[in-house]
Protein backbone atom coordinates (compact mmCIF):
# COMPACT_ATOMS: atom_id res chain seq x y z
CA MET A 1 24.64 4.59 -98.49
CA LYS A 2 25.36 2.21 -95.60
CA LYS A 3 27.28 4.92 -93.88
CA LYS A 4 24.29 7.29 -94.02
CA ILE A 5 21.94 4.63 -92.59
CA LEU A 6 24.31 3.91 -89.68
CA THR A 7 24.59 7.59 -88.88
CA LEU A 8 20.78 7.95 -88.89
CA PHE A 9 20.38 4.95 -86.58
CA LEU A 10 22.83 6.40 -84.06
CA CYS A 11 20.99 9.71 -84.01
CA LEU A 12 17.69 8.02 -83.33
CA ALA A 13 19.24 5.98 -80.50
CA LEU A 14 20.63 9.04 -78.82
CA THR A 15 17.22 10.67 -78.99
CA ILE A 16 15.11 7.73 -77.71
CA LEU A 17 17.29 6.32 -74.85
CA PRO A 18 17.30 9.49 -72.66
CA ALA A 19 13.50 9.57 -72.95
CA TYR A 20 13.19 6.00 -71.63
CA ALA A 21 15.63 6.78 -68.83
CA ALA A 22 13.60 9.85 -67.85
CA GLU A 23 10.38 7.78 -67.63
CA ASP A 24 11.98 5.16 -65.31
CA ALA A 25 13.55 7.69 -62.98
CA VAL A 26 10.47 8.64 -60.91
CA PRO A 27 11.41 11.51 -58.62
CA ALA A 28 11.21 10.65 -54.88
CA GLU A 29 8.35 12.43 -53.12
CA PRO A 30 8.96 13.63 -49.57
CA LEU A 31 7.68 11.13 -46.95
CA GLN A 32 4.74 12.17 -44.81
CA GLY A 33 6.13 13.41 -41.52
CA ALA A 34 9.63 13.22 -42.88
CA GLU A 35 10.89 15.81 -40.40
CA SER A 36 10.18 13.44 -37.47
CA ALA A 37 11.26 10.23 -39.20
CA GLN A 38 14.04 8.37 -37.32
CA LEU A 39 16.90 6.43 -38.78
CA PRO A 40 17.27 2.74 -38.01
CA ASP A 41 19.15 2.00 -34.77
CA SER A 42 22.18 0.80 -36.69
CA MET A 43 22.52 4.20 -38.39
CA GLU A 44 21.29 6.40 -35.56
CA ASN A 45 23.83 5.09 -33.05
CA ALA A 46 26.76 3.22 -34.46
CA ASP A 47 27.80 2.14 -30.96
CA ALA A 48 24.50 0.39 -30.16
CA PRO A 49 24.86 -3.39 -29.68
CA ALA A 50 23.14 -5.76 -32.06
CA ASP A 51 20.59 -6.78 -29.37
CA THR A 52 19.45 -3.24 -28.72
CA GLN A 53 17.18 -3.04 -25.62
CA SER A 54 13.68 -1.63 -25.61
CA PRO A 55 13.41 2.04 -24.65
CA GLU A 56 12.06 1.09 -21.20
CA ASP A 57 14.92 -1.32 -20.50
CA ALA A 58 17.47 1.10 -21.86
CA GLN A 59 16.18 3.86 -19.62
CA LEU A 60 16.58 1.63 -16.57
CA SER A 61 20.04 0.47 -17.55
CA GLU A 62 21.25 4.05 -17.92
CA GLN A 63 20.36 4.81 -14.28
CA PRO A 64 22.77 4.13 -11.43
CA GLU A 65 22.38 0.75 -9.78
CA ASP A 66 21.17 2.31 -6.54
CA ALA A 67 18.41 4.14 -8.38
CA GLN A 68 17.04 0.86 -9.70
CA GLU A 69 16.97 -0.51 -6.16
CA ALA A 70 15.36 2.53 -4.57
CA GLU A 71 12.57 1.92 -2.11
CA ILE A 72 9.05 1.94 -3.50
CA PRO A 73 7.08 4.97 -2.27
CA ASP A 74 4.05 4.26 -0.14
CA GLU A 75 0.60 5.80 -0.65
CA ASP A 76 1.73 9.09 0.87
CA GLY A 77 4.64 9.34 -1.54
CA GLN A 78 7.26 8.64 1.12
CA ASN A 79 9.75 5.82 1.06
CA ALA A 80 8.53 2.79 2.94
CA PRO A 81 10.28 2.64 6.32
CA VAL A 82 12.74 -0.15 7.05
CA PHE A 83 13.55 -1.41 10.53
CA ALA A 84 16.96 -3.06 10.55
CA ARG A 85 18.75 -4.92 13.32
CA THR A 86 21.98 -2.97 13.44
CA LEU A 87 23.29 -4.50 16.68
CA LEU A 88 24.03 -8.06 17.75
CA TYR A 89 22.69 -9.23 21.08
CA GLU A 90 25.47 -11.00 22.96
CA GLY A 91 24.20 -11.11 26.53
CA ALA A 92 23.94 -7.36 27.01
CA PHE A 93 21.37 -7.80 29.82
CA SER A 94 22.71 -9.78 32.75
CA ASP A 95 19.24 -10.86 33.90
CA LEU A 96 18.00 -12.12 30.51
CA MET A 97 18.40 -15.84 30.01
CA PRO A 98 17.48 -17.86 26.90
CA GLU A 99 14.83 -19.73 28.87
CA ASN A 100 12.91 -16.50 29.43
CA GLY A 101 9.65 -16.68 27.48
CA GLN A 102 10.27 -13.28 25.86
CA TYR A 103 13.99 -13.70 25.28
CA GLU A 104 13.71 -13.39 21.50
CA SER A 105 11.53 -10.26 21.66
CA ILE A 106 13.79 -8.49 24.16
CA ALA A 107 16.92 -9.41 22.20
CA ALA A 108 15.24 -8.12 19.04
CA LEU A 109 14.49 -4.76 20.66
CA TYR A 110 18.12 -4.47 21.65
CA GLU A 111 19.29 -5.30 18.13
CA TYR A 112 16.91 -2.73 16.63
CA GLY A 113 18.33 -0.13 19.03
CA PHE A 114 15.08 0.39 20.94
CA ALA A 115 16.03 -1.16 24.30
CA LYS A 116 19.24 -0.19 26.10
CA GLY A 117 18.56 -1.60 29.54
CA ARG A 118 19.22 -0.05 32.89
CA ASP A 119 22.34 1.46 34.40
CA ASP A 120 23.09 -1.77 36.29
CA GLY A 121 23.16 -3.81 33.05
CA THR A 122 19.79 -5.48 33.56
CA PHE A 123 16.60 -5.32 31.52
CA GLY A 124 14.08 -5.98 34.28
CA ALA A 125 11.85 -8.27 32.22
CA ASP A 126 9.45 -9.00 35.08
CA ASP A 127 9.18 -5.40 36.29
CA SER A 128 6.13 -3.33 35.45
CA VAL A 129 6.82 -0.88 32.65
CA THR A 130 6.36 2.77 33.55
CA ILE A 131 4.70 5.26 31.26
CA ALA A 132 8.06 7.05 30.90
CA GLU A 133 9.72 3.82 29.74
CA LEU A 134 6.86 3.06 27.39
CA LEU A 135 7.04 6.52 25.82
CA THR A 136 10.79 6.06 25.37
CA PHE A 137 10.36 2.76 23.53
CA ALA A 138 7.61 4.24 21.36
CA ALA A 139 9.57 7.40 20.54
CA ARG A 140 12.57 5.40 19.37
CA ILE A 141 10.36 3.33 17.09
CA ARG A 142 8.60 6.40 15.70
CA SER A 143 11.90 8.21 15.17
CA THR A 144 13.34 5.27 13.24
CA TYR A 145 10.18 5.12 11.13
CA ALA A 146 10.12 8.85 10.39
CA LEU A 147 13.78 9.87 10.52
CA GLY A 148 15.80 6.69 10.11
CA ASP A 149 17.44 6.98 13.53
CA ALA A 150 16.10 5.89 16.92
CA GLU A 151 17.41 8.90 18.83
CA ALA A 152 17.07 11.66 16.23
CA GLY A 153 13.52 12.65 17.20
CA ALA A 154 14.19 13.18 20.89
CA ALA A 155 17.59 14.75 20.23
CA ALA A 156 16.00 17.50 18.15
CA VAL A 157 13.71 18.61 20.99
CA GLU A 158 14.80 21.70 22.92
CA LEU A 159 14.32 21.20 26.65
CA PRO A 160 15.18 23.09 29.84
CA GLU A 161 18.24 21.87 31.70
CA ASP A 162 16.19 20.44 34.54
CA ALA A 163 13.89 18.38 32.29
CA PRO A 164 13.51 14.69 33.29
CA TRP A 165 15.36 12.08 31.27
CA TYR A 166 12.28 11.00 29.33
CA ALA A 167 11.04 14.50 28.44
CA GLY A 168 12.57 14.59 24.97
CA TYR A 169 10.92 11.31 24.03
CA ALA A 170 7.53 12.40 25.33
CA GLU A 171 7.73 15.76 23.59
CA TYR A 172 8.77 14.17 20.31
CA LEU A 173 5.70 11.92 20.41
CA ARG A 174 3.55 15.00 21.06
CA THR A 175 4.99 16.83 18.07
CA GLU A 176 4.29 13.75 15.92
CA GLY A 177 0.69 13.57 17.11
CA VAL A 178 1.09 10.14 18.71
CA ILE A 179 -0.01 11.51 22.11
CA ALA A 180 -1.37 14.79 23.44
CA ASP A 181 -1.31 15.70 27.15
CA GLU A 182 -3.06 12.59 28.48
CA PHE A 183 0.07 11.38 30.28
CA GLU A 184 1.06 14.70 31.81
CA GLY A 185 2.15 14.09 35.41
CA LEU A 186 1.76 10.30 35.06
CA CYS A 187 5.11 9.29 33.59
CA GLY A 188 6.50 7.86 36.83
CA MET A 189 3.54 5.52 37.24
CA SER A 190 3.21 1.95 36.00
CA ALA A 191 1.38 1.83 32.69
CA ALA A 192 -1.98 0.09 32.47
CA ARG A 193 -2.49 -2.24 29.53
CA ALA A 194 -5.12 0.09 28.06
CA GLN A 195 -2.59 2.92 28.08
CA VAL A 196 -0.10 0.68 26.29
CA ALA A 197 -2.72 -0.06 23.62
CA HIS A 198 -3.36 3.67 23.16
CA ILE A 199 0.30 4.39 22.45
CA LEU A 200 1.08 1.36 20.31
CA ALA A 201 -2.04 1.75 18.16
CA ASN A 202 -0.87 5.22 17.17
CA VAL A 203 2.92 5.02 17.16
CA LEU A 204 3.17 4.27 13.41
CA GLU A 205 1.07 5.14 10.40
CA PRO A 206 -1.84 2.77 9.65
CA SER A 207 -0.22 1.84 6.32
CA TRP A 208 2.53 0.01 8.22
CA PHE A 209 -0.02 -2.55 9.41
CA ASP A 210 -2.56 -4.90 7.93
CA ALA A 211 -5.93 -5.76 9.46
CA ARG A 212 -5.37 -9.51 9.23
CA ASN A 213 -7.81 -10.30 12.06
CA ALA A 214 -10.49 -7.74 11.26
CA ALA A 215 -13.29 -10.19 10.50
CA VAL A 216 -12.79 -12.61 13.39
CA VAL A 217 -12.29 -9.79 15.91
CA ALA A 218 -15.37 -7.94 14.70
CA GLU A 219 -17.56 -11.02 14.99
CA GLY A 220 -16.05 -12.32 18.20
CA TYR A 221 -16.41 -8.94 19.90
CA ALA A 222 -19.89 -8.19 18.53
CA THR A 223 -21.25 -11.52 19.75
CA ARG A 224 -19.53 -10.98 23.13
CA GLN A 225 -17.79 -14.34 22.88
CA TYR A 226 -14.33 -12.76 22.99
CA ILE A 227 -12.63 -9.75 24.62
CA THR A 228 -15.51 -9.65 27.08
CA ASP A 229 -13.61 -7.49 29.57
CA VAL A 230 -13.58 -4.55 27.10
CA ASP A 231 -16.72 -2.54 26.36
CA ASP A 232 -17.80 0.91 25.24
CA TYR A 233 -16.85 2.34 28.63
CA THR A 234 -13.32 0.96 28.67
CA ALA A 235 -10.58 3.55 28.33
CA TYR A 236 -9.02 3.49 24.86
CA GLN A 237 -11.41 0.77 23.66
CA PRO A 238 -10.87 1.53 19.92
CA ASP A 239 -7.09 1.29 20.36
CA ILE A 240 -7.38 -2.03 22.18
CA LEU A 241 -9.46 -3.53 19.38
CA THR A 242 -7.00 -2.15 16.84
CA LEU A 243 -4.18 -4.18 18.39
CA TYR A 244 -6.26 -7.36 18.04
CA ARG A 245 -7.10 -6.60 14.40
CA ARG A 246 -3.44 -5.98 13.56
CA GLY A 247 -2.18 -9.14 15.26
CA ILE A 248 -0.26 -7.36 18.02
CA VAL A 249 -2.21 -9.15 20.79
CA GLN A 250 -4.57 -12.10 21.05
CA GLY A 251 -5.56 -11.95 24.72
CA PHE A 252 -4.73 -13.92 27.84
CA ASP A 253 -7.23 -16.75 27.97
CA GLU A 254 -9.66 -18.77 25.86
CA THR A 255 -11.92 -15.73 25.53
CA GLY A 256 -9.15 -13.34 24.51
CA SER A 257 -9.33 -11.18 27.64
CA PHE A 258 -7.21 -8.03 27.53
CA LEU A 259 -7.15 -6.99 31.23
CA PRO A 260 -7.19 -3.29 30.33
CA ASP A 261 -6.67 -1.94 33.87
CA GLN A 262 -3.83 -4.29 34.84
CA PRO A 263 -0.15 -3.31 34.76
CA ILE A 264 2.11 -4.91 32.18
CA THR A 265 5.67 -6.17 32.43
CA ARG A 266 8.58 -4.93 30.37
CA ALA A 267 8.86 -8.40 28.80
CA GLU A 268 5.21 -8.32 27.71
CA VAL A 269 5.68 -4.87 26.21
CA ALA A 270 8.78 -6.11 24.40
CA ALA A 271 6.73 -8.83 22.70
CA MET A 272 4.12 -6.30 21.58
CA LEU A 273 6.73 -3.85 20.33
CA ALA A 274 8.48 -6.57 18.35
CA ARG A 275 5.20 -7.35 16.57
CA VAL A 276 4.64 -3.67 15.86
CA VAL A 277 8.02 -3.46 14.14
CA ASP A 278 8.18 -6.87 12.43
CA PRO A 279 5.10 -8.02 10.45
CA ALA A 280 6.44 -11.58 10.41
CA LEU A 281 5.91 -11.84 14.17
CA ARG A 282 2.27 -10.79 14.16
CA ILE A 283 -0.46 -13.17 15.29
CA ASP A 284 -3.18 -14.71 13.15
CA ILE A 285 -6.11 -15.17 15.51
CA THR A 286 -8.04 -18.43 15.08
CA TRP A 287 -10.99 -17.99 17.40
CA VAL A 288 -13.97 -20.28 16.89
CA ILE A 289 -17.18 -18.23 16.72
CA LEU A 290 -20.20 -20.21 17.85
CA PRO A 291 -23.62 -19.63 16.24
CA ARG A 292 -25.79 -17.19 18.13
């Protein structure tokens, strides 16, 4: 009898236990969006370090080092130009002494590769700059800005064999839209200060400059307290005022006179060119505007 009861109990157990097991084993339903589900980092990439970077950081770290240090594009999508002093001034100009008021500016132009001096080894700081010399300085600056080399712009110009030495520089500036034909036949003449303003105001793109003095120049000029020797009839008046706004000039006297019709020395041009190239050298004008 006991044997029959034990046998019956075993049969019942074998019948009931699979049923309980079937109820507990709920089948896994497919996850929503399972096709796009990603594995944890530790399973997806066994070589990933424990402190896995964010996707943005990882993307940067996978690029070459020089790509991370690439120049930031300007508003036009081009790389911001860089003017570098690639030479060391060590007395290259025999007539330039440290006590000269524009020594630093002239030495800087040499180191940038914009000033090479004359055949006799002098710079001629106190000589009037000619239009040909001015165009040469400007073309080297523009070529460095646009092409990364001071001489590349002029070198690419095709000229007749009998062309004057400055022709390539002048033609390069014409092709860049810095000048037109306003200096045709005048290149051997001394440049007037207004002509210098015309060239320097247009030699580089406006984005290279800031208008740090815009407010004080506008008020000082409008009230006729400053720059009184420039008016609506002055040649290149807008370009002259642009140089004041950008901190390239501040004038000669207490009223900021520009002397637009006067010649200008090579040393004075050197100081202006250095400020065009190097924002750190530009002038913050501090005129006092009196009430009207």
